[in-house]
Amino acid sequence: MSIDSQVLISGVKKYPIPVLCGALSLAVMVLLYFRSDLQASQQADLKKYSAESARYRANISNSVQLQEQLDFLIQANQAIKERSLSAEGLAQNLQYFYRLETEIGIKADLRPGARPTPIRAAVGGKAVPGKKATPPNYVALNYIISVKGDFDQLITFLRRLEQGVYFCRINTASAAPSGSGMTLNLNLDLLGTP
C-alpha cells in the first residue's frame, strides 16, 4: 500500500493543527538530540559565571570602607616606623640602652650582636617564586647585653624594654646571682628600618 501525494495533501488540509504539532514536536526532538551534548558545557559556564558574579558582589560590598581602612593602615605603618630604630645609626641606637642604664641605675655591658636580619612579609617567611625580591621594610637589630643590679632594678629594666619607645623581642635570657645583686644576660632584637 502506498500513500500517494493526493491523500497526504488532503490529510494535511483536513487536520492542519495535529500535523503542525507533530512536525513541530519532531523538529524539537531533533534539535534536543543535537544540542544535548552542549548542556554540560553550558552548566560549567553557568557555574563559572555565577562564582565570578558572587566574587564581584563580595568585592563591591567589601570596598565600601576601603579608603578608611587604607588611611588606618597608613597611620599604623607610620606609627610603627616612628617606633623603630635606624640600622645605620649605631651610636644613636646604643644611646637608648645607655639612657636606660643611667635612669634605672644599673651597670650594663652592651655590644651589637649579629648583623641586621631582614624581616620579610613573604608567604611562610620564604620568597615567593616568580616575584622579584623586594628590599625588606624592617630589620631585626640584634644586641647582646649583660645587666648588673638588684632584682628590682632588673625587673624595671625588663619592663622599660617591654613598654619602651621601640619594639623589642627578647630571644634568650638568663639570670644568675653575683655579689650583692644579680646579673641578667639578654640576647634581644629591636625593630629597625634599613
N, C-alpha and C. Protein backbone atom coordinates (compact mmCIF):
# COMPACT_ATOMS: atom_id res chain seq x y z
N MET A 1 0.82 -1.16 0.00
CA MET A 1 0.00 0.00 0.00
C MET A 1 0.88 1.24 0.00
N SER A 2 0.61 2.06 -0.89
CA SER A 2 1.40 3.27 -0.96
C SER A 2 0.50 4.47 -0.75
N ILE A 3 1.08 5.41 -0.12
CA ILE A 3 0.33 6.63 0.14
C ILE A 3 0.71 7.58 -1.00
N ASP A 4 -0.28 7.95 -1.70
CA ASP A 4 0.11 8.85 -2.76
C ASP A 4 -0.02 10.29 -2.28
N SER A 5 0.51 11.20 -3.02
CA SER A 5 0.63 12.58 -2.57
C SER A 5 -0.73 13.26 -2.43
N GLN A 6 -1.72 12.83 -3.20
CA GLN A 6 -3.05 13.43 -3.10
C GLN A 6 -3.67 13.15 -1.74
N VAL A 7 -3.53 11.93 -1.26
CA VAL A 7 -4.10 11.55 0.03
C VAL A 7 -3.36 12.29 1.14
N LEU A 8 -2.07 12.40 1.00
CA LEU A 8 -1.25 13.08 2.02
C LEU A 8 -1.63 14.56 2.09
N ILE A 9 -1.78 15.20 0.97
CA ILE A 9 -2.13 16.62 0.96
C ILE A 9 -3.55 16.82 1.49
N SER A 10 -4.45 15.92 1.15
CA SER A 10 -5.81 16.05 1.66
C SER A 10 -5.85 15.82 3.17
N GLY A 11 -4.99 14.91 3.69
CA GLY A 11 -4.94 14.67 5.15
C GLY A 11 -4.39 15.87 5.89
N VAL A 12 -3.43 16.53 5.28
CA VAL A 12 -2.85 17.72 5.91
C VAL A 12 -3.88 18.84 5.90
N LYS A 13 -4.63 18.96 4.81
CA LYS A 13 -5.65 20.01 4.74
C LYS A 13 -6.80 19.73 5.70
N LYS A 14 -7.07 18.47 5.91
CA LYS A 14 -8.18 18.10 6.77
C LYS A 14 -7.82 18.29 8.26
N TYR A 15 -6.58 17.96 8.64
CA TYR A 15 -6.13 18.07 10.05
C TYR A 15 -4.87 18.94 10.12
N PRO A 16 -4.96 20.23 9.92
CA PRO A 16 -3.75 21.04 9.88
C PRO A 16 -3.09 21.21 11.25
N ILE A 17 -3.84 21.36 12.30
CA ILE A 17 -3.27 21.59 13.64
C ILE A 17 -2.52 20.36 14.12
N PRO A 18 -3.08 19.14 14.11
CA PRO A 18 -2.30 17.98 14.56
C PRO A 18 -1.06 17.74 13.71
N VAL A 19 -1.11 17.98 12.43
CA VAL A 19 0.06 17.79 11.56
C VAL A 19 1.13 18.81 11.92
N LEU A 20 0.72 20.06 12.13
CA LEU A 20 1.66 21.11 12.50
C LEU A 20 2.29 20.82 13.86
N CYS A 21 1.49 20.35 14.81
CA CYS A 21 2.03 19.98 16.14
C CYS A 21 2.99 18.81 16.03
N GLY A 22 2.67 17.82 15.21
CA GLY A 22 3.56 16.67 15.02
C GLY A 22 4.88 17.10 14.41
N ALA A 23 4.82 17.97 13.39
CA ALA A 23 6.04 18.44 12.73
C ALA A 23 6.88 19.27 13.70
N LEU A 24 6.22 20.10 14.48
CA LEU A 24 6.92 20.91 15.48
C LEU A 24 7.56 20.02 16.56
N SER A 25 6.86 19.00 17.01
CA SER A 25 7.42 18.07 18.00
C SER A 25 8.62 17.34 17.45
N LEU A 26 8.54 16.91 16.20
CA LEU A 26 9.66 16.24 15.56
C LEU A 26 10.86 17.17 15.45
N ALA A 27 10.63 18.43 15.09
CA ALA A 27 11.72 19.40 14.98
C ALA A 27 12.37 19.66 16.34
N VAL A 28 11.55 19.75 17.41
CA VAL A 28 12.08 19.97 18.76
C VAL A 28 12.91 18.77 19.20
N MET A 29 12.45 17.55 18.92
CA MET A 29 13.21 16.36 19.32
C MET A 29 14.55 16.28 18.58
N VAL A 30 14.56 16.62 17.31
CA VAL A 30 15.82 16.62 16.55
C VAL A 30 16.75 17.68 17.12
N LEU A 31 16.21 18.86 17.42
CA LEU A 31 17.01 19.93 17.99
C LEU A 31 17.58 19.53 19.35
N LEU A 32 16.77 18.92 20.20
CA LEU A 32 17.24 18.45 21.51
C LEU A 32 18.31 17.38 21.36
N TYR A 33 18.17 16.52 20.42
CA TYR A 33 19.15 15.45 20.21
C TYR A 33 20.51 16.04 19.85
N PHE A 34 20.52 17.01 18.95
CA PHE A 34 21.79 17.58 18.51
C PHE A 34 22.37 18.58 19.51
N ARG A 35 21.55 19.16 20.37
CA ARG A 35 22.04 20.14 21.35
C ARG A 35 22.28 19.54 22.74
N SER A 36 21.97 18.28 22.95
CA SER A 36 22.09 17.68 24.30
C SER A 36 23.54 17.62 24.76
N ASP A 37 24.49 17.52 23.87
CA ASP A 37 25.89 17.46 24.28
C ASP A 37 26.40 18.82 24.77
N LEU A 38 25.72 19.91 24.45
CA LEU A 38 26.14 21.24 24.90
C LEU A 38 25.70 21.55 26.33
N GLN A 39 24.83 20.75 26.90
CA GLN A 39 24.27 21.04 28.22
C GLN A 39 25.35 21.03 29.30
N ALA A 40 26.26 20.08 29.26
CA ALA A 40 27.31 20.01 30.28
C ALA A 40 28.22 21.23 30.24
N SER A 41 28.61 21.64 29.04
CA SER A 41 29.48 22.82 28.95
C SER A 41 28.74 24.09 29.37
N GLN A 42 27.45 24.16 29.07
CA GLN A 42 26.67 25.32 29.48
C GLN A 42 26.49 25.36 30.99
N GLN A 43 26.35 24.19 31.62
CA GLN A 43 26.26 24.14 33.09
C GLN A 43 27.57 24.60 33.71
N ALA A 44 28.70 24.19 33.13
CA ALA A 44 30.01 24.62 33.63
C ALA A 44 30.17 26.13 33.48
N ASP A 45 29.74 26.66 32.33
CA ASP A 45 29.81 28.12 32.13
C ASP A 45 28.94 28.85 33.13
N LEU A 46 27.74 28.33 33.38
CA LEU A 46 26.84 28.95 34.35
C LEU A 46 27.48 28.98 35.74
N LYS A 47 28.10 27.87 36.12
CA LYS A 47 28.75 27.80 37.43
C LYS A 47 29.89 28.80 37.52
N LYS A 48 30.70 28.90 36.45
CA LYS A 48 31.83 29.83 36.43
C LYS A 48 31.35 31.27 36.53
N TYR A 49 30.33 31.62 35.74
CA TYR A 49 29.84 33.00 35.76
C TYR A 49 29.13 33.31 37.08
N SER A 50 28.49 32.34 37.69
CA SER A 50 27.85 32.57 38.99
C SER A 50 28.90 32.83 40.06
N ALA A 51 30.00 32.06 40.03
CA ALA A 51 31.07 32.27 41.01
C ALA A 51 31.72 33.64 40.80
N GLU A 52 31.93 34.02 39.55
CA GLU A 52 32.52 35.33 39.26
C GLU A 52 31.60 36.45 39.71
N SER A 53 30.32 36.27 39.50
CA SER A 53 29.35 37.27 39.94
C SER A 53 29.33 37.40 41.45
N ALA A 54 29.40 36.28 42.15
CA ALA A 54 29.44 36.32 43.62
C ALA A 54 30.70 37.02 44.11
N ARG A 55 31.82 36.78 43.42
CA ARG A 55 33.08 37.43 43.80
C ARG A 55 32.98 38.93 43.59
N TYR A 56 32.38 39.35 42.47
CA TYR A 56 32.21 40.78 42.22
C TYR A 56 31.31 41.42 43.27
N ARG A 57 30.21 40.72 43.63
CA ARG A 57 29.31 41.26 44.65
C ARG A 57 30.04 41.41 45.98
N ALA A 58 30.86 40.41 46.34
CA ALA A 58 31.61 40.48 47.60
C ALA A 58 32.63 41.62 47.55
N ASN A 59 33.31 41.79 46.42
CA ASN A 59 34.27 42.88 46.29
C ASN A 59 33.60 44.24 46.42
N ILE A 60 32.44 44.38 45.82
CA ILE A 60 31.73 45.65 45.90
C ILE A 60 31.29 45.94 47.34
N SER A 61 30.76 44.92 48.01
CA SER A 61 30.32 45.15 49.40
C SER A 61 31.50 45.36 50.34
N ASN A 62 32.64 44.73 50.07
CA ASN A 62 33.81 44.90 50.94
C ASN A 62 34.55 46.20 50.68
N SER A 63 34.33 46.80 49.53
CA SER A 63 35.07 48.02 49.20
C SER A 63 34.40 49.28 49.71
N VAL A 64 33.33 49.16 50.44
CA VAL A 64 32.61 50.32 50.93
C VAL A 64 33.50 51.18 51.83
N GLN A 65 34.23 50.55 52.73
CA GLN A 65 35.07 51.29 53.68
C GLN A 65 36.55 51.17 53.34
N LEU A 66 36.86 50.95 52.09
CA LEU A 66 38.24 50.71 51.67
C LEU A 66 39.14 51.91 51.94
N GLN A 67 38.68 53.11 51.67
CA GLN A 67 39.50 54.30 51.88
C GLN A 67 39.81 54.51 53.36
N GLU A 68 38.81 54.29 54.23
CA GLU A 68 39.06 54.43 55.67
C GLU A 68 40.06 53.40 56.16
N GLN A 69 39.94 52.17 55.65
CA GLN A 69 40.88 51.12 56.04
C GLN A 69 42.29 51.43 55.55
N LEU A 70 42.41 51.96 54.34
CA LEU A 70 43.72 52.34 53.81
C LEU A 70 44.34 53.44 54.65
N ASP A 71 43.55 54.45 55.00
CA ASP A 71 44.06 55.53 55.85
C ASP A 71 44.52 55.01 57.20
N PHE A 72 43.76 54.08 57.78
CA PHE A 72 44.15 53.50 59.07
C PHE A 72 45.47 52.74 58.95
N LEU A 73 45.62 51.96 57.88
CA LEU A 73 46.86 51.20 57.69
C LEU A 73 48.06 52.11 57.46
N ILE A 74 47.85 53.21 56.76
CA ILE A 74 48.95 54.16 56.55
C ILE A 74 49.36 54.77 57.88
N GLN A 75 48.39 55.14 58.72
CA GLN A 75 48.71 55.70 60.03
C GLN A 75 49.41 54.68 60.91
N ALA A 76 48.93 53.42 60.88
CA ALA A 76 49.55 52.37 61.70
C ALA A 76 50.98 52.11 61.25
N ASN A 77 51.21 52.10 59.95
CA ASN A 77 52.57 51.88 59.43
C ASN A 77 53.48 53.04 59.82
N GLN A 78 52.97 54.24 59.79
CA GLN A 78 53.76 55.40 60.20
C GLN A 78 54.09 55.32 61.69
N ALA A 79 53.14 54.88 62.51
CA ALA A 79 53.40 54.74 63.95
C ALA A 79 54.46 53.67 64.21
N ILE A 80 54.45 52.60 63.42
CA ILE A 80 55.47 51.55 63.58
C ILE A 80 56.83 52.09 63.17
N LYS A 81 56.90 52.85 62.10
CA LYS A 81 58.18 53.42 61.66
C LYS A 81 58.74 54.39 62.70
N GLU A 82 57.85 55.12 63.38
CA GLU A 82 58.31 56.04 64.42
C GLU A 82 58.87 55.28 65.62
N ARG A 83 58.41 54.06 65.83
CA ARG A 83 58.88 53.26 66.96
C ARG A 83 59.98 52.29 66.55
N SER A 84 60.67 52.54 65.45
CA SER A 84 61.76 51.67 65.03
C SER A 84 63.05 52.48 64.93
N LEU A 85 64.14 51.79 65.12
CA LEU A 85 65.46 52.41 65.06
C LEU A 85 65.99 52.38 63.64
N SER A 86 66.99 53.18 63.38
CA SER A 86 67.64 53.16 62.08
C SER A 86 68.81 52.18 62.13
N ALA A 87 68.93 51.33 61.13
CA ALA A 87 70.02 50.34 61.11
C ALA A 87 71.38 51.01 60.97
N GLU A 88 71.43 52.18 60.34
CA GLU A 88 72.71 52.88 60.16
C GLU A 88 73.14 53.66 61.39
N GLY A 89 72.21 54.04 62.26
CA GLY A 89 72.52 54.88 63.41
C GLY A 89 72.94 54.08 64.63
N LEU A 90 74.08 53.38 64.55
CA LEU A 90 74.53 52.51 65.64
C LEU A 90 74.75 53.30 66.94
N ALA A 91 75.40 54.45 66.87
CA ALA A 91 75.66 55.23 68.08
C ALA A 91 74.35 55.71 68.71
N GLN A 92 73.42 56.15 67.89
CA GLN A 92 72.14 56.61 68.41
C GLN A 92 71.35 55.45 69.01
N ASN A 93 71.47 54.27 68.41
CA ASN A 93 70.77 53.10 68.93
C ASN A 93 71.33 52.70 70.29
N LEU A 94 72.64 52.77 70.45
CA LEU A 94 73.26 52.42 71.73
C LEU A 94 72.87 53.43 72.82
N GLN A 95 72.62 54.68 72.42
CA GLN A 95 72.22 55.70 73.38
C GLN A 95 70.92 55.31 74.10
N TYR A 96 70.05 54.59 73.42
CA TYR A 96 68.81 54.13 74.04
C TYR A 96 69.11 53.29 75.27
N PHE A 97 70.06 52.36 75.15
CA PHE A 97 70.42 51.49 76.28
C PHE A 97 71.18 52.27 77.35
N TYR A 98 72.06 53.18 76.93
CA TYR A 98 72.81 53.96 77.91
C TYR A 98 71.88 54.87 78.72
N ARG A 99 70.84 55.39 78.08
CA ARG A 99 69.86 56.21 78.77
C ARG A 99 69.12 55.37 79.81
N LEU A 100 68.73 54.16 79.44
CA LEU A 100 68.08 53.26 80.40
C LEU A 100 69.01 52.95 81.57
N GLU A 101 70.27 52.75 81.26
CA GLU A 101 71.26 52.43 82.29
C GLU A 101 71.35 53.56 83.33
N THR A 102 71.41 54.80 82.88
CA THR A 102 71.53 55.90 83.83
C THR A 102 70.21 56.17 84.56
N GLU A 103 69.07 56.00 83.89
CA GLU A 103 67.79 56.26 84.54
C GLU A 103 67.46 55.24 85.61
N ILE A 104 67.82 53.99 85.39
CA ILE A 104 67.48 52.92 86.33
C ILE A 104 68.57 52.74 87.38
N GLY A 105 69.81 53.04 87.03
CA GLY A 105 70.90 52.89 87.97
C GLY A 105 71.53 51.50 87.94
N ILE A 106 71.60 50.91 86.79
CA ILE A 106 72.20 49.59 86.62
C ILE A 106 73.53 49.74 85.92
N LYS A 107 74.28 48.66 85.88
CA LYS A 107 75.54 48.62 85.14
C LYS A 107 75.33 47.68 83.97
N ALA A 108 75.52 48.16 82.75
CA ALA A 108 75.25 47.36 81.56
C ALA A 108 76.50 47.23 80.72
N ASP A 109 76.72 46.03 80.21
CA ASP A 109 77.78 45.76 79.23
C ASP A 109 77.05 45.42 77.93
N LEU A 110 77.20 46.26 76.93
CA LEU A 110 76.40 46.16 75.72
C LEU A 110 77.28 46.02 74.50
N ARG A 111 76.85 45.16 73.57
CA ARG A 111 77.53 45.05 72.28
C ARG A 111 76.52 44.62 71.22
N PRO A 112 76.71 45.13 70.03
CA PRO A 112 75.82 44.70 68.95
C PRO A 112 76.04 43.22 68.66
N GLY A 113 74.96 42.53 68.34
CA GLY A 113 75.04 41.10 68.05
C GLY A 113 75.24 40.86 66.57
N ALA A 114 74.50 39.94 66.05
CA ALA A 114 74.60 39.55 64.65
C ALA A 114 74.19 40.72 63.75
N ARG A 115 74.57 40.62 62.50
CA ARG A 115 74.19 41.64 61.52
C ARG A 115 72.67 41.74 61.44
N PRO A 116 72.17 42.92 61.09
CA PRO A 116 70.71 43.06 60.98
C PRO A 116 70.13 42.06 59.99
N THR A 117 69.09 41.35 60.43
CA THR A 117 68.45 40.38 59.55
C THR A 117 67.12 40.95 59.07
N PRO A 118 66.84 40.79 57.77
CA PRO A 118 65.59 41.35 57.24
C PRO A 118 64.37 40.62 57.78
N ILE A 119 63.34 41.38 58.01
CA ILE A 119 62.05 40.82 58.41
C ILE A 119 61.17 40.93 57.18
N ARG A 120 60.85 39.80 56.58
CA ARG A 120 60.10 39.79 55.32
C ARG A 120 58.66 39.39 55.58
N ALA A 121 57.79 39.97 54.80
CA ALA A 121 56.37 39.62 54.84
C ALA A 121 56.05 38.76 53.63
N ALA A 122 56.74 37.64 53.50
CA ALA A 122 56.51 36.73 52.38
C ALA A 122 55.66 35.57 52.86
N VAL A 123 55.29 34.72 51.95
CA VAL A 123 54.47 33.56 52.28
C VAL A 123 55.32 32.59 53.09
N GLY A 124 54.96 32.38 54.34
CA GLY A 124 55.68 31.44 55.19
C GLY A 124 57.11 31.88 55.46
N GLY A 125 57.44 33.16 55.30
CA GLY A 125 58.79 33.63 55.56
C GLY A 125 59.76 33.33 54.43
N LYS A 126 59.28 32.76 53.33
CA LYS A 126 60.14 32.42 52.20
C LYS A 126 59.79 33.31 51.02
N ALA A 127 60.73 33.42 50.11
CA ALA A 127 60.49 34.22 48.91
C ALA A 127 59.44 33.53 48.05
N VAL A 128 58.62 34.33 47.42
CA VAL A 128 57.58 33.81 46.54
C VAL A 128 58.19 33.60 45.16
N PRO A 129 58.10 32.37 44.59
CA PRO A 129 58.69 32.13 43.28
C PRO A 129 58.01 32.97 42.20
N GLY A 130 58.81 33.45 41.27
CA GLY A 130 58.27 34.23 40.17
C GLY A 130 58.12 35.71 40.48
N LYS A 131 58.33 36.10 41.73
CA LYS A 131 58.22 37.51 42.10
C LYS A 131 59.62 38.06 42.36
N LYS A 132 59.81 39.29 41.94
CA LYS A 132 61.09 39.95 42.16
C LYS A 132 61.26 40.23 43.65
N ALA A 133 62.45 39.97 44.17
CA ALA A 133 62.71 40.20 45.59
C ALA A 133 62.70 41.70 45.87
N THR A 134 61.93 42.10 46.87
CA THR A 134 61.86 43.50 47.26
C THR A 134 62.69 43.69 48.51
N PRO A 135 63.25 44.87 48.68
CA PRO A 135 64.01 45.11 49.90
C PRO A 135 63.08 45.04 51.11
N PRO A 136 63.61 44.59 52.25
CA PRO A 136 62.74 44.47 53.43
C PRO A 136 62.35 45.83 53.97
N ASN A 137 61.17 45.88 54.58
CA ASN A 137 60.71 47.11 55.21
C ASN A 137 61.35 47.31 56.57
N TYR A 138 61.62 46.19 57.25
CA TYR A 138 62.15 46.25 58.60
C TYR A 138 63.27 45.23 58.76
N VAL A 139 64.16 45.51 59.71
CA VAL A 139 65.24 44.58 60.04
C VAL A 139 65.25 44.39 61.56
N ALA A 140 65.77 43.25 61.97
CA ALA A 140 65.92 42.98 63.40
C ALA A 140 67.35 43.37 63.80
N LEU A 141 67.47 44.36 64.68
CA LEU A 141 68.78 44.80 65.17
C LEU A 141 69.10 44.03 66.44
N ASN A 142 70.10 43.16 66.37
CA ASN A 142 70.42 42.26 67.46
C ASN A 142 71.42 42.91 68.41
N TYR A 143 71.17 42.76 69.73
CA TYR A 143 72.07 43.25 70.76
C TYR A 143 72.23 42.19 71.83
N ILE A 144 73.45 42.11 72.35
CA ILE A 144 73.74 41.22 73.48
C ILE A 144 74.10 42.14 74.65
N ILE A 145 73.38 41.99 75.74
CA ILE A 145 73.56 42.90 76.86
C ILE A 145 73.63 42.11 78.16
N SER A 146 74.53 42.52 79.03
CA SER A 146 74.67 41.94 80.36
C SER A 146 74.41 43.06 81.36
N VAL A 147 73.40 42.88 82.19
CA VAL A 147 72.95 43.93 83.11
C VAL A 147 73.20 43.46 84.54
N LYS A 148 73.81 44.33 85.35
CA LYS A 148 74.05 44.02 86.75
C LYS A 148 73.30 45.01 87.61
N GLY A 149 72.61 44.49 88.61
CA GLY A 149 71.85 45.33 89.53
C GLY A 149 71.07 44.45 90.48
N ASP A 150 70.27 45.08 91.35
CA ASP A 150 69.45 44.26 92.24
C ASP A 150 68.20 43.80 91.49
N PHE A 151 67.42 42.94 92.14
CA PHE A 151 66.27 42.32 91.48
C PHE A 151 65.28 43.37 90.98
N ASP A 152 64.96 44.36 91.79
CA ASP A 152 64.00 45.40 91.40
C ASP A 152 64.51 46.19 90.19
N GLN A 153 65.78 46.48 90.15
CA GLN A 153 66.34 47.21 89.02
C GLN A 153 66.26 46.38 87.73
N LEU A 154 66.52 45.09 87.83
CA LEU A 154 66.46 44.23 86.64
C LEU A 154 65.03 44.10 86.12
N ILE A 155 64.07 43.98 87.05
CA ILE A 155 62.66 43.91 86.64
C ILE A 155 62.24 45.23 86.00
N THR A 156 62.68 46.35 86.57
CA THR A 156 62.38 47.66 85.99
C THR A 156 62.98 47.78 84.60
N PHE A 157 64.21 47.29 84.44
CA PHE A 157 64.86 47.32 83.13
C PHE A 157 64.06 46.51 82.11
N LEU A 158 63.61 45.32 82.49
CA LEU A 158 62.83 44.49 81.57
C LEU A 158 61.49 45.15 81.23
N ARG A 159 60.86 45.76 82.22
CA ARG A 159 59.59 46.45 81.95
C ARG A 159 59.79 47.64 81.01
N ARG A 160 60.88 48.36 81.19
CA ARG A 160 61.16 49.50 80.32
C ARG A 160 61.44 49.04 78.89
N LEU A 161 62.09 47.89 78.76
CA LEU A 161 62.30 47.35 77.41
C LEU A 161 60.96 46.95 76.79
N GLU A 162 60.13 46.30 77.60
CA GLU A 162 58.84 45.81 77.10
C GLU A 162 57.90 46.96 76.74
N GLN A 163 57.88 47.99 77.55
CA GLN A 163 56.94 49.10 77.34
C GLN A 163 57.64 50.32 76.77
N GLY A 164 58.83 50.14 76.27
CA GLY A 164 59.63 51.27 75.80
C GLY A 164 59.16 51.85 74.48
N VAL A 165 59.93 52.81 74.04
CA VAL A 165 59.64 53.52 72.81
C VAL A 165 59.75 52.59 71.60
N TYR A 166 60.72 51.70 71.63
CA TYR A 166 60.99 50.83 70.48
C TYR A 166 60.46 49.42 70.72
N PHE A 167 60.11 48.76 69.61
CA PHE A 167 59.65 47.37 69.70
C PHE A 167 60.83 46.47 70.01
N CYS A 168 60.67 45.61 71.01
CA CYS A 168 61.76 44.77 71.48
C CYS A 168 61.29 43.32 71.57
N ARG A 169 62.17 42.39 71.15
CA ARG A 169 61.91 40.96 71.30
C ARG A 169 63.12 40.34 71.98
N ILE A 170 62.88 39.68 73.11
CA ILE A 170 63.97 39.03 73.83
C ILE A 170 64.08 37.60 73.31
N ASN A 171 65.25 37.28 72.74
CA ASN A 171 65.47 35.94 72.19
C ASN A 171 65.86 34.95 73.27
N THR A 172 66.84 35.32 74.08
CA THR A 172 67.26 34.46 75.19
C THR A 172 67.51 35.35 76.41
N ALA A 173 67.31 34.76 77.58
CA ALA A 173 67.56 35.47 78.83
C ALA A 173 68.03 34.46 79.87
N SER A 174 69.00 34.89 80.67
CA SER A 174 69.44 34.06 81.80
C SER A 174 69.85 35.00 82.93
N ALA A 175 69.52 34.59 84.14
CA ALA A 175 69.85 35.40 85.32
C ALA A 175 70.65 34.55 86.29
N ALA A 176 71.59 35.20 86.97
CA ALA A 176 72.42 34.50 87.96
C ALA A 176 72.79 35.49 89.07
N PRO A 177 72.88 35.00 90.30
CA PRO A 177 73.30 35.89 91.39
C PRO A 177 74.78 36.25 91.23
N SER A 178 75.11 37.50 91.59
CA SER A 178 76.51 37.93 91.52
C SER A 178 76.75 38.97 92.61
N GLY A 179 77.60 38.63 93.53
CA GLY A 179 77.95 39.55 94.61
C GLY A 179 76.71 40.00 95.38
N SER A 180 76.46 41.30 95.39
CA SER A 180 75.33 41.85 96.16
C SER A 180 74.05 41.93 95.33
N GLY A 181 74.08 41.56 94.07
CA GLY A 181 72.89 41.67 93.22
C GLY A 181 72.77 40.47 92.30
N MET A 182 72.32 40.76 91.10
CA MET A 182 72.13 39.72 90.10
C MET A 182 72.67 40.21 88.76
N THR A 183 72.95 39.25 87.89
CA THR A 183 73.36 39.55 86.53
C THR A 183 72.34 38.95 85.59
N LEU A 184 71.86 39.76 84.66
CA LEU A 184 70.89 39.34 83.67
C LEU A 184 71.55 39.43 82.29
N ASN A 185 71.63 38.29 81.60
CA ASN A 185 72.21 38.24 80.26
C ASN A 185 71.07 38.12 79.25
N LEU A 186 71.03 39.05 78.31
CA LEU A 186 69.95 39.08 77.32
C LEU A 186 70.52 39.08 75.91
N ASN A 187 69.82 38.38 75.04
CA ASN A 187 70.05 38.48 73.60
C ASN A 187 68.72 38.96 73.05
N LEU A 188 68.69 40.18 72.53
CA LEU A 188 67.42 40.77 72.13
C LEU A 188 67.53 41.42 70.76
N ASP A 189 66.36 41.60 70.16
CA ASP A 189 66.24 42.27 68.86
C ASP A 189 65.37 43.50 69.03
N LEU A 190 65.77 44.60 68.43
CA LEU A 190 64.94 45.79 68.34
C LEU A 190 64.53 45.97 66.88
N LEU A 191 63.32 46.44 66.67
CA LEU A 191 62.82 46.64 65.32
C LEU A 191 63.51 47.85 64.71
N GLY A 192 64.04 47.65 63.52
CA GLY A 192 64.75 48.75 62.83
C GLY A 192 64.34 48.85 61.38
N THR A 193 64.69 50.00 60.80
CA THR A 193 64.45 50.20 59.37
C THR A 193 65.80 50.24 58.66
N PRO A 194 65.87 49.65 57.46
CA PRO A 194 67.16 49.64 56.75
C PRO A 194 67.57 51.01 56.26
